[in-house]
N, C-alpha and C. Protein backbone atom coordinates (compact mmCIF):
# COMPACT_ATOMS: atom_id res chain seq x y z
N MET A 1 125.47 62.72 52.68
CA MET A 1 125.88 62.94 51.24
C MET A 1 125.99 61.65 50.56
N PRO A 2 125.31 61.35 49.37
CA PRO A 2 125.54 60.17 48.70
C PRO A 2 126.93 59.89 48.14
N PRO A 3 127.30 58.70 48.03
CA PRO A 3 128.76 58.56 47.53
C PRO A 3 128.84 58.98 46.18
N TYR A 4 130.03 59.35 45.61
CA TYR A 4 130.39 59.81 44.36
C TYR A 4 130.55 58.39 43.53
N HIS A 5 130.09 58.62 42.31
CA HIS A 5 130.24 57.41 41.38
C HIS A 5 131.51 57.53 40.65
N LYS A 6 131.91 56.27 40.34
CA LYS A 6 133.16 56.21 39.50
C LYS A 6 132.60 55.87 38.06
N CYS A 7 132.98 56.82 37.12
CA CYS A 7 132.47 56.61 35.83
C CYS A 7 133.35 55.62 35.18
N ASP A 8 132.79 54.81 34.22
CA ASP A 8 133.59 53.82 33.54
C ASP A 8 134.06 54.36 32.36
N HIS A 9 135.00 55.16 32.39
CA HIS A 9 135.68 55.87 31.17
C HIS A 9 137.01 55.89 31.48
N ASP A 10 137.97 56.09 30.40
CA ASP A 10 139.28 56.08 30.40
C ASP A 10 139.71 57.66 30.10
N PHE A 11 139.65 58.50 31.01
CA PHE A 11 139.98 59.85 30.76
C PHE A 11 141.56 60.10 31.07
N THR A 12 142.06 61.11 30.32
CA THR A 12 143.51 61.43 30.53
C THR A 12 143.64 62.88 30.85
N LEU A 13 144.68 63.22 31.50
CA LEU A 13 145.03 64.61 31.92
C LEU A 13 145.66 65.25 30.72
N GLU A 14 145.47 66.49 30.46
CA GLU A 14 146.22 67.27 29.60
C GLU A 14 146.86 68.43 30.23
N PRO A 15 148.08 68.20 30.67
CA PRO A 15 148.71 69.27 31.61
C PRO A 15 148.71 70.65 31.08
N GLU A 16 148.61 70.90 29.74
CA GLU A 16 148.76 72.23 29.29
C GLU A 16 147.42 72.94 29.47
N ARG A 17 146.40 72.41 29.89
CA ARG A 17 145.08 73.00 30.10
C ARG A 17 144.75 72.98 31.63
N LEU A 18 145.55 73.36 32.46
CA LEU A 18 145.19 73.37 33.88
C LEU A 18 143.93 73.87 34.28
N LEU A 19 143.43 75.04 33.72
CA LEU A 19 142.18 75.64 34.26
C LEU A 19 141.08 74.67 33.97
N GLU A 20 141.14 73.86 32.96
CA GLU A 20 139.98 72.92 32.54
C GLU A 20 140.06 71.79 33.45
N HIS A 21 141.00 71.66 34.43
CA HIS A 21 140.89 70.52 35.41
C HIS A 21 140.24 71.13 36.72
N THR A 22 139.92 72.44 36.86
CA THR A 22 139.37 72.95 38.04
C THR A 22 137.90 72.92 38.05
N PHE A 23 137.25 72.60 39.16
CA PHE A 23 135.70 72.77 39.23
C PHE A 23 135.33 73.77 40.34
N ILE A 24 136.34 74.33 41.11
CA ILE A 24 136.02 75.18 42.24
C ILE A 24 135.60 76.55 41.86
N HIS A 25 135.70 76.83 40.66
CA HIS A 25 135.17 78.09 40.18
C HIS A 25 133.69 78.16 40.12
N ILE A 26 133.13 76.86 40.22
CA ILE A 26 131.67 76.82 40.12
C ILE A 26 131.06 77.03 41.49
N PRO A 27 129.99 77.80 41.61
CA PRO A 27 129.22 78.06 42.86
C PRO A 27 128.96 76.68 43.53
N GLY A 28 129.35 76.53 44.89
CA GLY A 28 128.97 75.49 45.45
C GLY A 28 129.95 74.28 45.48
N ILE A 29 131.00 74.45 44.63
CA ILE A 29 132.00 73.43 44.60
C ILE A 29 133.35 73.99 45.25
N GLY A 30 133.68 73.19 46.35
CA GLY A 30 134.97 73.48 46.95
C GLY A 30 135.92 72.53 46.71
N PRO A 31 137.05 72.73 47.31
CA PRO A 31 138.20 71.67 47.13
C PRO A 31 137.87 70.19 47.41
N LYS A 32 137.05 70.04 48.47
CA LYS A 32 136.64 68.53 48.78
C LYS A 32 135.90 67.97 47.72
N THR A 33 134.82 68.73 47.22
CA THR A 33 134.00 68.23 46.19
C THR A 33 134.75 68.07 44.81
N GLU A 34 135.62 68.94 44.64
CA GLU A 34 136.46 68.91 43.42
C GLU A 34 137.36 67.61 43.46
N LYS A 35 137.89 67.34 44.62
CA LYS A 35 138.66 66.05 44.81
C LYS A 35 137.80 64.89 44.53
N ARG A 36 136.70 64.91 45.02
CA ARG A 36 135.81 63.80 44.79
C ARG A 36 135.48 63.54 43.34
N ILE A 37 135.25 64.61 42.63
CA ILE A 37 134.99 64.54 41.24
C ILE A 37 136.14 63.82 40.53
N TRP A 38 137.30 64.47 40.85
CA TRP A 38 138.48 63.79 40.27
C TRP A 38 138.65 62.17 40.62
N GLU A 39 138.18 62.01 41.90
CA GLU A 39 138.36 60.58 42.37
C GLU A 39 137.26 59.72 41.64
N SER A 40 136.35 60.28 41.10
CA SER A 40 135.26 59.40 40.21
C SER A 40 135.75 59.22 38.94
N GLY A 41 136.90 59.79 38.51
CA GLY A 41 137.44 59.52 37.28
C GLY A 41 137.25 60.61 36.26
N ILE A 42 136.74 61.79 36.78
CA ILE A 42 136.33 62.95 35.90
C ILE A 42 137.53 63.96 36.21
N TYR A 43 138.41 64.26 35.29
CA TYR A 43 139.46 65.26 35.45
C TYR A 43 139.41 66.36 34.70
N THR A 44 138.44 66.58 33.76
CA THR A 44 138.49 67.84 33.00
C THR A 44 136.90 68.24 32.89
N TRP A 45 136.80 69.42 32.40
CA TRP A 45 135.47 69.94 31.97
C TRP A 45 134.75 68.87 30.84
N GLN A 46 135.59 68.79 29.98
CA GLN A 46 135.07 67.92 28.82
C GLN A 46 134.71 66.47 29.40
N ASP A 47 135.53 65.83 30.30
CA ASP A 47 135.30 64.63 30.88
C ASP A 47 133.87 64.75 31.54
N PHE A 48 133.43 65.70 32.23
CA PHE A 48 132.24 65.86 32.81
C PHE A 48 131.15 65.97 32.05
N LEU A 49 131.28 66.77 30.91
CA LEU A 49 130.26 66.95 29.96
C LEU A 49 130.00 65.87 29.22
N LYS A 50 131.02 64.99 28.95
CA LYS A 50 130.82 63.79 28.13
C LYS A 50 130.32 62.54 28.93
N ALA A 51 130.33 62.58 30.36
CA ALA A 51 130.18 61.42 31.23
C ALA A 51 128.71 61.05 30.91
N ASP A 52 128.30 59.77 30.88
CA ASP A 52 126.94 59.37 30.75
C ASP A 52 126.54 58.66 32.03
N CYS A 53 127.04 58.98 33.16
CA CYS A 53 126.73 58.41 34.46
C CYS A 53 126.57 59.80 35.43
N VAL A 54 125.86 59.36 36.55
CA VAL A 54 125.54 60.48 37.40
C VAL A 54 126.89 60.47 38.30
N ILE A 55 127.47 61.84 38.42
CA ILE A 55 128.70 61.90 39.09
C ILE A 55 128.42 62.30 40.59
N ILE A 56 127.56 63.27 40.88
CA ILE A 56 127.26 63.70 42.21
C ILE A 56 125.82 63.26 42.56
N ASN A 57 124.86 64.12 41.92
CA ASN A 57 123.50 63.70 41.84
C ASN A 57 122.87 64.41 40.71
N PRO A 58 121.76 64.10 40.25
CA PRO A 58 121.10 64.48 38.97
C PRO A 58 121.07 65.95 39.06
N SER A 59 120.65 66.54 40.10
CA SER A 59 120.48 68.03 40.15
C SER A 59 121.69 68.91 40.14
N LYS A 60 122.61 68.33 41.05
CA LYS A 60 123.93 69.01 41.11
C LYS A 60 124.66 68.89 39.72
N ASP A 61 124.56 67.79 39.15
CA ASP A 61 125.30 67.56 37.74
C ASP A 61 124.68 68.42 36.85
N ARG A 62 123.41 68.66 36.73
CA ARG A 62 122.90 69.57 35.81
C ARG A 62 123.46 70.97 35.98
N MET A 63 123.51 71.45 37.19
CA MET A 63 124.04 72.72 37.56
C MET A 63 125.50 72.89 37.18
N ILE A 64 126.30 71.82 37.45
CA ILE A 64 127.70 71.86 37.00
C ILE A 64 127.87 71.89 35.46
N ARG A 65 127.10 71.02 34.87
CA ARG A 65 127.12 71.02 33.39
C ARG A 65 126.80 72.50 32.82
N TYR A 66 125.75 73.12 33.35
CA TYR A 66 125.44 74.46 32.94
C TYR A 66 126.69 75.39 33.13
N GLU A 67 127.25 75.38 34.34
CA GLU A 67 128.38 76.22 34.56
C GLU A 67 129.62 75.90 33.69
N LEU A 68 129.80 74.65 33.41
CA LEU A 68 130.98 74.22 32.58
C LEU A 68 130.71 74.73 31.22
N GLU A 69 129.53 74.76 30.64
CA GLU A 69 129.23 75.22 29.25
C GLU A 69 129.59 76.82 29.37
N ARG A 70 129.07 77.43 30.35
CA ARG A 70 129.46 78.77 30.59
C ARG A 70 130.97 79.17 30.45
N SER A 71 131.72 78.26 31.31
CA SER A 71 133.01 78.29 31.43
C SER A 71 133.69 78.29 29.98
N LEU A 72 133.29 77.28 29.21
CA LEU A 72 133.81 77.15 27.82
C LEU A 72 133.59 78.26 26.98
N ARG A 73 132.37 78.85 27.05
CA ARG A 73 132.11 80.11 26.24
C ARG A 73 132.99 81.20 26.63
N HIS A 74 133.30 81.26 28.03
CA HIS A 74 134.24 82.43 28.50
C HIS A 74 135.74 81.96 28.57
N ARG A 75 136.04 80.84 27.99
CA ARG A 75 137.41 80.23 28.09
C ARG A 75 138.60 81.17 28.14
N ASP A 76 138.54 82.27 27.18
CA ASP A 76 139.58 83.23 27.08
C ASP A 76 139.60 84.42 27.77
N GLU A 77 138.53 84.47 28.68
CA GLU A 77 138.30 85.76 29.50
C GLU A 77 138.65 85.62 30.90
N ILE A 78 139.92 86.18 31.15
CA ILE A 78 140.48 86.01 32.44
C ILE A 78 139.70 86.64 33.71
N ARG A 79 138.93 87.60 33.38
CA ARG A 79 138.09 88.19 34.32
C ARG A 79 136.97 87.24 34.77
N PHE A 80 136.41 86.43 33.76
CA PHE A 80 135.37 85.51 34.18
C PHE A 80 135.91 84.60 35.22
N PHE A 81 137.01 84.05 35.28
CA PHE A 81 137.53 83.19 36.12
C PHE A 81 138.18 83.85 37.32
N GLN A 82 138.72 84.95 37.15
CA GLN A 82 139.20 85.70 38.34
C GLN A 82 138.09 85.99 39.33
N ASN A 83 136.99 86.35 38.81
CA ASN A 83 135.93 86.69 39.67
C ASN A 83 135.17 85.53 40.33
N ARG A 84 135.45 84.23 39.85
CA ARG A 84 134.92 83.10 40.49
C ARG A 84 136.00 82.36 41.30
N LEU A 85 137.17 82.63 41.16
CA LEU A 85 138.17 81.85 42.08
C LEU A 85 138.51 82.51 43.23
N SER A 86 138.52 81.93 44.37
CA SER A 86 139.00 82.56 45.72
C SER A 86 140.42 83.07 45.31
N SER A 87 140.95 83.95 46.32
CA SER A 87 142.38 84.49 46.15
C SER A 87 143.37 83.33 46.38
N ASP A 88 143.05 82.34 47.17
CA ASP A 88 144.08 81.27 47.31
C ASP A 88 144.00 80.25 46.25
N GLN A 89 143.16 80.41 45.28
CA GLN A 89 143.03 79.49 44.11
C GLN A 89 143.35 80.15 42.86
N ILE A 90 143.55 81.37 42.82
CA ILE A 90 143.90 82.22 41.57
C ILE A 90 145.07 81.89 40.82
N TRP A 91 146.01 81.14 41.51
CA TRP A 91 147.20 80.52 40.83
C TRP A 91 146.78 79.64 39.70
N ARG A 92 145.63 79.08 39.70
CA ARG A 92 145.09 78.23 38.64
C ARG A 92 145.03 78.94 37.20
N LEU A 93 145.09 80.22 37.25
CA LEU A 93 145.02 80.92 36.03
C LEU A 93 146.21 80.93 35.24
N PHE A 94 147.38 80.67 36.04
CA PHE A 94 148.77 81.02 35.45
C PHE A 94 148.91 80.23 34.14
N GLN A 95 148.87 78.94 34.11
CA GLN A 95 149.31 78.11 32.94
C GLN A 95 148.46 78.54 31.70
N ASP A 96 147.23 78.83 31.84
CA ASP A 96 146.40 79.19 30.66
C ASP A 96 146.39 80.61 30.26
N PHE A 97 146.91 81.47 31.01
CA PHE A 97 146.99 82.87 30.71
C PHE A 97 148.34 83.42 30.75
N ARG A 98 149.42 82.58 30.85
CA ARG A 98 150.74 83.06 30.96
C ARG A 98 151.32 83.99 29.83
N ASP A 99 150.63 83.87 28.57
CA ASP A 99 150.97 84.78 27.52
C ASP A 99 150.44 86.03 27.84
N ARG A 100 149.64 86.30 28.78
CA ARG A 100 149.15 87.70 29.14
C ARG A 100 149.76 88.03 30.57
N ALA A 101 150.68 87.55 30.94
CA ALA A 101 151.23 87.74 32.39
C ALA A 101 152.41 88.52 32.40
N VAL A 102 152.72 89.12 33.50
CA VAL A 102 153.93 89.95 33.81
C VAL A 102 154.25 89.73 35.16
N TYR A 103 155.47 89.49 35.36
CA TYR A 103 156.09 89.51 36.92
C TYR A 103 156.39 91.01 37.19
N LEU A 104 156.30 91.43 38.43
CA LEU A 104 156.43 92.81 38.88
C LEU A 104 157.12 92.90 40.05
N ASP A 105 158.18 93.74 40.24
CA ASP A 105 158.80 94.10 41.48
C ASP A 105 159.14 95.52 41.56
N ILE A 106 158.98 96.06 42.70
CA ILE A 106 159.30 97.55 42.79
C ILE A 106 160.48 97.68 43.91
N GLU A 107 161.08 98.71 43.89
CA GLU A 107 162.03 99.02 44.86
C GLU A 107 161.53 100.48 45.22
N THR A 108 161.72 100.90 46.58
CA THR A 108 161.45 102.22 47.07
C THR A 108 162.57 102.75 47.79
N SER A 109 162.43 104.02 48.08
CA SER A 109 163.41 104.78 48.91
C SER A 109 163.52 104.32 50.29
N GLY A 110 162.44 103.55 50.75
CA GLY A 110 162.51 103.09 52.19
C GLY A 110 162.24 104.18 53.16
N GLY A 111 161.71 105.38 52.76
CA GLY A 111 161.43 106.30 53.76
C GLY A 111 162.66 107.18 54.04
N PHE A 112 163.81 107.02 53.18
CA PHE A 112 164.89 107.74 53.35
C PHE A 112 164.62 109.20 53.41
N GLN A 113 165.12 109.96 54.50
CA GLN A 113 165.06 111.44 54.58
C GLN A 113 163.44 111.68 54.73
N GLY A 114 162.66 110.75 55.27
CA GLY A 114 161.26 111.07 55.54
C GLY A 114 160.40 111.02 54.10
N VAL A 115 160.92 110.58 53.16
CA VAL A 115 160.21 110.58 51.83
C VAL A 115 160.23 109.11 51.43
N ASP A 116 158.95 108.50 51.07
CA ASP A 116 159.03 107.02 50.62
C ASP A 116 158.42 107.12 49.27
N GLU A 117 159.45 106.97 48.35
CA GLU A 117 158.80 107.01 46.83
C GLU A 117 159.44 105.76 46.00
N ILE A 118 158.75 105.48 45.02
CA ILE A 118 159.15 104.37 44.04
C ILE A 118 160.53 104.81 43.46
N THR A 119 161.44 103.93 43.54
CA THR A 119 162.86 104.34 42.82
C THR A 119 162.85 103.60 41.50
N VAL A 120 162.38 102.23 41.49
CA VAL A 120 162.47 101.44 40.40
C VAL A 120 161.24 100.46 40.35
N ILE A 121 160.77 100.35 39.18
CA ILE A 121 159.76 99.23 38.90
C ILE A 121 160.20 98.40 37.75
N GLY A 122 160.38 97.04 38.11
CA GLY A 122 160.84 96.05 37.06
C GLY A 122 159.70 95.20 36.56
N LEU A 123 159.59 94.85 35.29
CA LEU A 123 158.71 94.05 34.74
C LEU A 123 159.36 92.91 33.94
N TYR A 124 158.93 91.76 34.03
CA TYR A 124 159.38 90.71 33.07
C TYR A 124 158.13 89.84 32.59
N ASP A 125 158.05 89.77 31.23
CA ASP A 125 156.80 89.16 30.70
C ASP A 125 157.13 87.75 30.10
N GLY A 126 158.33 87.20 30.37
CA GLY A 126 158.65 85.84 29.94
C GLY A 126 159.56 85.80 28.78
N ASP A 127 159.64 87.24 28.14
CA ASP A 127 160.49 87.28 27.08
C ASP A 127 161.52 88.53 27.23
N SER A 128 160.94 89.53 27.78
CA SER A 128 161.77 90.82 28.08
C SER A 128 161.69 91.44 29.36
N VAL A 129 162.72 92.14 29.70
CA VAL A 129 162.75 92.83 31.04
C VAL A 129 162.54 94.20 30.71
N PHE A 130 161.76 94.91 31.56
CA PHE A 130 161.49 96.49 31.32
C PHE A 130 161.75 97.01 32.68
N THR A 131 162.51 98.11 32.72
CA THR A 131 162.95 98.81 33.87
C THR A 131 162.36 100.18 33.84
N PHE A 132 161.75 100.64 34.78
CA PHE A 132 161.18 102.01 34.99
C PHE A 132 161.84 102.65 36.09
N VAL A 133 162.63 103.72 35.84
CA VAL A 133 163.54 104.42 36.88
C VAL A 133 162.86 105.76 37.20
N ASN A 134 162.72 106.13 38.48
CA ASN A 134 162.28 107.37 38.90
C ASN A 134 163.16 108.47 38.40
N GLY A 135 162.75 109.55 37.91
CA GLY A 135 163.48 110.63 37.23
C GLY A 135 163.88 110.35 35.93
N ARG A 136 163.74 109.24 35.37
CA ARG A 136 164.02 108.84 33.98
C ARG A 136 162.84 108.48 33.09
N ASN A 137 162.15 107.39 33.42
CA ASN A 137 161.12 106.81 32.67
C ASN A 137 159.88 106.23 33.46
N LEU A 138 159.93 106.48 34.75
CA LEU A 138 158.83 105.94 35.65
C LEU A 138 157.48 105.97 35.14
N GLU A 139 157.23 107.26 34.57
CA GLU A 139 155.68 107.51 34.13
C GLU A 139 155.34 106.54 32.95
N GLU A 140 156.38 105.98 32.20
CA GLU A 140 155.93 105.09 31.14
C GLU A 140 155.42 103.66 31.66
N PHE A 141 155.56 103.39 32.89
CA PHE A 141 155.23 102.19 33.51
C PHE A 141 153.50 102.06 33.39
N GLU A 142 152.95 103.22 33.57
CA GLU A 142 151.43 103.12 33.58
C GLU A 142 150.95 102.63 32.17
N ILE A 143 151.50 103.16 31.08
CA ILE A 143 151.23 102.55 29.76
C ILE A 143 151.51 101.10 29.64
N ALA A 144 152.80 100.84 30.09
CA ALA A 144 153.36 99.32 29.81
C ALA A 144 152.36 98.38 30.45
N ILE A 145 152.09 98.61 31.74
CA ILE A 145 151.40 97.52 32.59
C ILE A 145 149.96 97.27 32.03
N ALA A 146 149.45 98.28 31.29
CA ALA A 146 147.96 98.24 30.77
C ALA A 146 147.84 97.17 29.73
N SER A 147 148.97 96.57 29.08
CA SER A 147 148.91 95.54 28.03
C SER A 147 148.87 94.22 28.59
N TYR A 148 148.83 94.09 29.97
CA TYR A 148 148.87 92.73 30.64
C TYR A 148 147.54 92.40 31.31
N GLU A 149 147.10 91.16 31.59
CA GLU A 149 145.88 90.82 32.18
C GLU A 149 146.10 90.16 33.55
N LEU A 150 147.33 89.61 33.72
CA LEU A 150 147.66 88.87 34.89
C LEU A 150 149.08 89.52 35.41
N VAL A 151 149.08 89.97 36.72
CA VAL A 151 150.35 90.38 37.32
C VAL A 151 150.75 89.32 38.39
N ILE A 152 152.01 89.06 38.36
CA ILE A 152 152.64 87.95 39.46
C ILE A 152 153.60 88.77 40.31
N THR A 153 153.53 88.74 41.65
CA THR A 153 154.36 89.35 42.52
C THR A 153 154.81 88.44 43.62
N PHE A 154 155.68 88.98 44.43
CA PHE A 154 155.91 88.31 45.75
C PHE A 154 155.61 89.40 46.73
N ASN A 155 154.64 89.25 47.65
CA ASN A 155 154.25 90.16 48.53
C ASN A 155 153.47 91.36 47.89
N GLY A 156 153.17 91.33 46.65
CA GLY A 156 152.59 92.48 45.85
C GLY A 156 151.19 93.00 46.45
N SER A 157 150.52 92.00 47.12
CA SER A 157 149.19 92.30 47.54
C SER A 157 149.22 93.34 48.69
N THR A 158 150.28 93.09 49.55
CA THR A 158 150.46 93.88 50.68
C THR A 158 151.47 95.15 50.54
N PHE A 159 152.32 95.09 49.59
CA PHE A 159 153.30 96.19 49.43
C PHE A 159 153.27 96.77 48.00
N ASP A 160 153.80 96.01 47.03
CA ASP A 160 153.96 96.62 45.69
C ASP A 160 152.71 97.15 45.08
N LEU A 161 151.52 96.56 45.07
CA LEU A 161 150.52 97.06 44.26
C LEU A 161 149.79 98.21 45.14
N PRO A 162 149.66 98.12 46.38
CA PRO A 162 149.13 99.29 47.25
C PRO A 162 150.11 100.51 46.99
N PHE A 163 151.35 100.33 46.93
CA PHE A 163 152.25 101.40 46.67
C PHE A 163 152.15 101.96 45.34
N ILE A 164 152.03 101.16 44.41
CA ILE A 164 151.93 101.56 42.97
C ILE A 164 150.59 102.37 42.83
N ARG A 165 149.44 101.89 43.54
CA ARG A 165 148.12 102.62 43.50
C ARG A 165 148.28 103.91 44.12
N ARG A 166 149.06 104.21 45.16
CA ARG A 166 149.10 105.56 45.75
C ARG A 166 150.08 106.33 44.77
N TRP A 167 151.04 105.91 44.19
CA TRP A 167 151.94 106.60 43.47
C TRP A 167 151.27 107.08 42.09
N PHE A 168 150.41 106.10 41.41
CA PHE A 168 149.71 106.36 40.31
C PHE A 168 148.20 106.24 40.60
N PRO A 169 147.51 107.29 41.03
CA PRO A 169 146.09 107.18 41.52
C PRO A 169 145.20 106.68 40.48
N HIS A 170 145.51 106.93 39.16
CA HIS A 170 144.38 106.66 38.06
C HIS A 170 144.87 105.28 37.36
N ILE A 171 145.74 104.54 37.82
CA ILE A 171 146.46 103.41 37.11
C ILE A 171 145.21 102.40 36.88
N HIS A 172 145.33 101.65 35.82
CA HIS A 172 144.56 100.35 35.71
C HIS A 172 145.55 99.22 35.72
N LEU A 173 145.61 98.49 36.85
CA LEU A 173 146.45 97.35 36.95
C LEU A 173 145.75 96.07 36.32
N PRO A 174 146.47 95.19 36.01
CA PRO A 174 145.74 93.91 35.39
C PRO A 174 144.78 93.37 36.25
N PRO A 175 143.63 92.77 35.70
CA PRO A 175 142.47 92.38 36.73
C PRO A 175 142.89 91.19 37.51
N ALA A 176 143.77 90.40 37.24
CA ALA A 176 144.12 89.19 38.13
C ALA A 176 145.46 89.43 38.67
N HIS A 177 145.60 88.90 39.83
CA HIS A 177 146.94 88.97 40.59
C HIS A 177 147.30 87.65 41.31
N ILE A 178 148.51 87.07 40.99
CA ILE A 178 148.97 85.99 41.75
C ILE A 178 150.06 86.45 42.73
N ASP A 179 149.88 86.39 44.03
CA ASP A 179 150.92 86.74 44.95
C ASP A 179 151.61 85.62 45.29
N LEU A 180 152.99 85.27 44.93
CA LEU A 180 153.59 84.09 45.12
C LEU A 180 153.96 83.95 46.60
N ARG A 181 153.97 85.04 47.36
CA ARG A 181 154.33 84.95 48.87
C ARG A 181 153.17 83.97 49.41
N PHE A 182 151.87 83.97 49.01
CA PHE A 182 150.90 83.17 49.71
C PHE A 182 150.78 81.87 49.12
N VAL A 183 151.07 81.62 47.94
CA VAL A 183 151.13 80.48 47.07
C VAL A 183 152.19 79.58 47.88
N LEU A 184 153.47 80.19 47.99
CA LEU A 184 154.59 79.48 48.58
C LEU A 184 154.33 79.06 49.99
N ASN A 185 153.74 80.08 50.69
CA ASN A 185 153.32 79.73 52.13
C ASN A 185 152.53 78.53 52.30
N ARG A 186 151.57 78.41 51.34
CA ARG A 186 150.73 77.19 51.52
C ARG A 186 151.42 75.93 51.13
N LEU A 187 152.55 76.12 50.36
CA LEU A 187 153.36 74.98 50.19
C LEU A 187 154.54 74.78 51.16
N GLY A 188 154.49 75.55 52.22
CA GLY A 188 155.36 75.40 53.31
C GLY A 188 156.68 76.26 53.21
N TYR A 189 156.70 77.22 52.32
CA TYR A 189 157.97 78.16 52.27
C TYR A 189 157.54 79.46 52.85
N ASN A 190 158.19 79.72 53.89
CA ASN A 190 157.91 80.89 54.64
C ASN A 190 159.17 81.90 54.63
N GLY A 191 158.86 83.18 54.81
CA GLY A 191 159.77 84.24 54.86
C GLY A 191 159.88 84.89 53.56
N GLY A 192 160.72 85.98 53.56
CA GLY A 192 160.96 86.84 52.45
C GLY A 192 161.82 86.17 51.39
N LEU A 193 162.09 87.03 50.37
CA LEU A 193 163.06 86.61 49.35
C LEU A 193 164.47 87.02 49.67
N LYS A 194 164.69 87.90 50.65
CA LYS A 194 166.11 88.29 50.88
C LYS A 194 166.60 87.64 52.20
């Protein structure tokens, strides 16, 4: 593989646009190639598009530019990126789509007396907390969750969301899901919340 080139530009990071710092949503670009792009002095999509030097190789650079132009056209569409990021990289959506995100947690009866049912669902959207209680307003959850595009849980991919799908068989959950259990695990934090 040819060495990556260091572009002679002074690019700066804009931390409020995290998604535009990633290249791994592009087919054929993984974490190692992304790191090499950053090491070449290219930190954002715009940096890559403005660069007047060869970053990887002419052919691959053309493909990346094409994909970055598509990314900019679909910049506000969470599904576009959710479909292109692997599950271990989906966390990169948070900062750019947090205004469409909701934190979710459920409590169940734990199989008490042979029945396992949802007792409470809690949502927090960054401003307000919403509580849905079985026997009181649990059915309203299905309508409330439909207004979000990103759901954030802890262990939700193996517990909360499958349980919700069984309880509400026709529910439309947000298209993107960040499970903090696995994000934290990759950072060295293991175990549950309790």
